Every structure is written in structure tokens, then in C-alpha cells.
């Protein structure tokens, strides 16, 4: 992904979410917060599992 979103953009899109959160929860929260397509695509492409913290999400996106 050439235009992969920054960790800051991802965390802004996930503001207010409660952890642990599933991939579906993360995507829904980002959609509701008006995240751009690159953030939504990045979240849709992470493994479908429970994420315990924002750091776990960032690691999955960058990994």
C-alpha cells in the first residue's frame, strides 16, 4: 500500500473506541468518525481478532 495511513490518522479515526475491540468494531468506529479511504482499507486488511490497545492496532496495520 503506497498511501498507507499514518498511525496518527488511524488513532484519530478510532477516537473514543473501547478496547478490547474486534476488527469489525474498529472499522465501524472509523466509518462513523469519517475516516478516509486509506484508513478504512488499512483497518479492513488487519487480521480478524480482538485488539487490546491502540498499540496493537498500529502494530497490525504496519506489520
N, C-alpha and C. Protein backbone atom coordinates (compact mmCIF):
# COMPACT_ATOMS: atom_id res chain seq x y z
N UNK A 1 0.85 -1.19 0.00
CA UNK A 1 0.00 0.00 0.00
C UNK A 1 0.88 1.24 0.00
N UNK A 2 0.91 1.91 -1.10
CA UNK A 2 1.78 3.08 -1.24
C UNK A 2 1.31 4.23 -0.36
N UNK A 3 0.01 4.39 -0.25
CA UNK A 3 -0.52 5.52 0.52
C UNK A 3 -1.06 5.07 1.87
N UNK A 4 -0.28 4.27 2.56
CA UNK A 4 -0.74 3.76 3.83
C UNK A 4 -0.84 4.90 4.85
N UNK A 5 -1.92 4.89 5.64
CA UNK A 5 -2.16 5.99 6.58
C UNK A 5 -1.16 5.98 7.73
N UNK A 6 -0.95 7.14 8.31
CA UNK A 6 -0.04 7.23 9.45
C UNK A 6 -0.73 6.67 10.69
N UNK A 7 0.05 6.23 11.67
CA UNK A 7 -0.55 5.77 12.93
C UNK A 7 -1.42 6.85 13.58
N UNK A 8 -1.04 8.10 13.40
CA UNK A 8 -1.83 9.20 13.98
C UNK A 8 -3.21 9.27 13.32
N UNK A 9 -3.25 9.13 11.98
CA UNK A 9 -4.54 9.14 11.29
C UNK A 9 -5.42 7.99 11.77
N UNK A 10 -4.82 6.84 11.95
CA UNK A 10 -5.59 5.68 12.40
C UNK A 10 -6.13 5.92 13.81
N UNK A 11 -5.30 6.43 14.71
CA UNK A 11 -5.76 6.65 16.07
C UNK A 11 -6.84 7.74 16.14
N UNK A 12 -6.72 8.76 15.28
CA UNK A 12 -7.78 9.78 15.23
C UNK A 12 -9.10 9.15 14.82
N UNK A 13 -9.05 8.24 13.84
CA UNK A 13 -10.27 7.58 13.35
C UNK A 13 -10.88 6.67 14.41
N UNK A 14 -10.05 6.21 15.35
CA UNK A 14 -10.53 5.29 16.38
C UNK A 14 -10.81 5.99 17.71
N UNK A 15 -10.81 7.29 17.72
CA UNK A 15 -11.08 8.04 18.95
C UNK A 15 -12.37 7.60 19.61
N UNK A 16 -12.29 7.35 20.91
CA UNK A 16 -13.49 7.01 21.67
C UNK A 16 -13.84 5.54 21.69
N UNK A 17 -13.11 4.71 20.95
CA UNK A 17 -13.44 3.28 20.95
C UNK A 17 -12.98 2.63 22.25
N UNK A 18 -13.73 1.64 22.68
CA UNK A 18 -13.38 0.89 23.89
C UNK A 18 -12.65 -0.38 23.50
N UNK A 19 -11.56 -0.66 24.21
CA UNK A 19 -10.79 -1.89 23.97
C UNK A 19 -11.11 -2.87 25.07
N UNK A 20 -11.04 -4.19 24.82
CA UNK A 20 -10.69 -4.79 23.54
C UNK A 20 -11.76 -4.56 22.49
N UNK A 21 -11.33 -4.55 21.22
CA UNK A 21 -12.23 -4.31 20.11
C UNK A 21 -11.89 -5.25 18.96
N UNK A 22 -12.91 -5.71 18.27
CA UNK A 22 -12.70 -6.58 17.11
C UNK A 22 -12.38 -5.73 15.89
N UNK A 23 -11.91 -6.38 14.84
CA UNK A 23 -11.66 -5.66 13.58
C UNK A 23 -12.93 -4.96 13.12
N UNK A 24 -14.07 -5.65 13.21
CA UNK A 24 -15.34 -5.07 12.79
C UNK A 24 -15.66 -3.81 13.61
N UNK A 25 -15.43 -3.86 14.91
CA UNK A 25 -15.65 -2.69 15.77
C UNK A 25 -14.77 -1.52 15.32
N UNK A 26 -13.50 -1.82 15.01
CA UNK A 26 -12.57 -0.78 14.60
C UNK A 26 -13.02 -0.14 13.29
N UNK A 27 -13.41 -0.96 12.32
CA UNK A 27 -13.85 -0.44 11.02
C UNK A 27 -15.12 0.38 11.18
N UNK A 28 -16.07 -0.12 11.95
CA UNK A 28 -17.32 0.62 12.16
C UNK A 28 -17.06 1.96 12.83
N UNK A 29 -16.20 1.98 13.84
CA UNK A 29 -15.88 3.22 14.54
C UNK A 29 -15.22 4.21 13.58
N UNK A 30 -14.30 3.72 12.77
CA UNK A 30 -13.61 4.59 11.81
C UNK A 30 -14.59 5.15 10.77
N UNK A 31 -15.51 4.32 10.29
CA UNK A 31 -16.51 4.78 9.33
C UNK A 31 -17.36 5.88 9.94
N UNK A 32 -17.80 5.66 11.18
CA UNK A 32 -18.66 6.63 11.86
C UNK A 32 -17.94 7.94 12.16
N UNK A 33 -16.61 7.89 12.25
CA UNK A 33 -15.86 9.12 12.54
C UNK A 33 -15.42 9.83 11.26
N UNK A 34 -15.81 9.28 10.10
CA UNK A 34 -15.49 9.93 8.84
C UNK A 34 -14.07 9.71 8.37
N UNK A 35 -13.48 8.57 8.72
CA UNK A 35 -12.11 8.27 8.31
C UNK A 35 -12.01 8.20 6.80
N UNK A 36 -10.83 8.53 6.28
CA UNK A 36 -10.66 8.47 4.83
C UNK A 36 -10.46 7.03 4.37
N UNK A 37 -10.50 6.85 3.05
CA UNK A 37 -10.46 5.50 2.48
C UNK A 37 -9.20 4.74 2.83
N UNK A 38 -8.05 5.43 2.91
CA UNK A 38 -6.81 4.71 3.20
C UNK A 38 -6.84 4.13 4.61
N UNK A 39 -7.43 4.86 5.56
CA UNK A 39 -7.55 4.35 6.93
C UNK A 39 -8.51 3.16 6.95
N UNK A 40 -9.66 3.29 6.29
CA UNK A 40 -10.62 2.19 6.27
C UNK A 40 -10.04 0.95 5.61
N UNK A 41 -9.34 1.13 4.51
CA UNK A 41 -8.72 -0.01 3.83
C UNK A 41 -7.69 -0.69 4.73
N UNK A 42 -6.88 0.10 5.40
CA UNK A 42 -5.87 -0.46 6.30
C UNK A 42 -6.52 -1.28 7.41
N UNK A 43 -7.59 -0.77 7.99
CA UNK A 43 -8.27 -1.48 9.07
C UNK A 43 -8.95 -2.75 8.57
N UNK A 44 -9.50 -2.69 7.37
CA UNK A 44 -10.16 -3.88 6.80
C UNK A 44 -9.15 -4.99 6.50
N UNK A 45 -7.88 -4.64 6.33
CA UNK A 45 -6.87 -5.61 5.96
C UNK A 45 -6.09 -6.19 7.14
N UNK A 46 -6.39 -5.76 8.37
CA UNK A 46 -5.70 -6.35 9.52
C UNK A 46 -6.36 -7.68 9.88
N UNK A 47 -5.66 -8.55 10.59
CA UNK A 47 -6.25 -9.85 10.97
C UNK A 47 -7.53 -9.67 11.79
N UNK A 48 -8.48 -10.57 11.58
CA UNK A 48 -9.76 -10.53 12.29
C UNK A 48 -9.57 -11.15 13.67
N UNK A 49 -9.32 -10.30 14.64
CA UNK A 49 -9.08 -10.75 16.02
C UNK A 49 -9.45 -9.62 16.96
N UNK A 50 -9.33 -9.88 18.25
CA UNK A 50 -9.56 -8.84 19.25
C UNK A 50 -8.27 -8.05 19.45
N UNK A 51 -8.38 -6.75 19.47
CA UNK A 51 -7.24 -5.86 19.72
C UNK A 51 -7.39 -5.27 21.10
N UNK A 52 -6.31 -5.34 21.88
CA UNK A 52 -6.34 -4.93 23.29
C UNK A 52 -6.04 -3.45 23.51
N UNK A 53 -5.40 -2.80 22.52
CA UNK A 53 -4.97 -1.41 22.73
C UNK A 53 -4.71 -0.75 21.38
N UNK A 54 -4.61 0.59 21.38
CA UNK A 54 -4.24 1.28 20.14
C UNK A 54 -2.90 0.81 19.59
N UNK A 55 -1.97 0.46 20.47
CA UNK A 55 -0.65 -0.02 20.01
C UNK A 55 -0.79 -1.32 19.24
N UNK A 56 -1.70 -2.21 19.67
CA UNK A 56 -1.93 -3.46 18.95
C UNK A 56 -2.46 -3.19 17.55
N UNK A 57 -3.33 -2.22 17.43
CA UNK A 57 -3.88 -1.87 16.12
C UNK A 57 -2.78 -1.30 15.22
N UNK A 58 -2.00 -0.40 15.75
CA UNK A 58 -0.90 0.20 14.97
C UNK A 58 0.07 -0.87 14.50
N UNK A 59 0.38 -1.81 15.37
CA UNK A 59 1.32 -2.88 15.03
C UNK A 59 0.73 -3.75 13.90
N UNK A 60 -0.56 -4.05 13.98
CA UNK A 60 -1.19 -4.87 12.95
C UNK A 60 -1.22 -4.16 11.60
N UNK A 61 -1.49 -2.86 11.62
CA UNK A 61 -1.56 -2.09 10.38
C UNK A 61 -0.18 -1.98 9.74
N UNK A 62 0.84 -1.73 10.54
CA UNK A 62 2.17 -1.55 9.99
C UNK A 62 2.87 -2.86 9.68
N UNK A 63 2.36 -3.95 10.26
CA UNK A 63 3.01 -5.24 10.11
C UNK A 63 2.71 -5.87 8.81
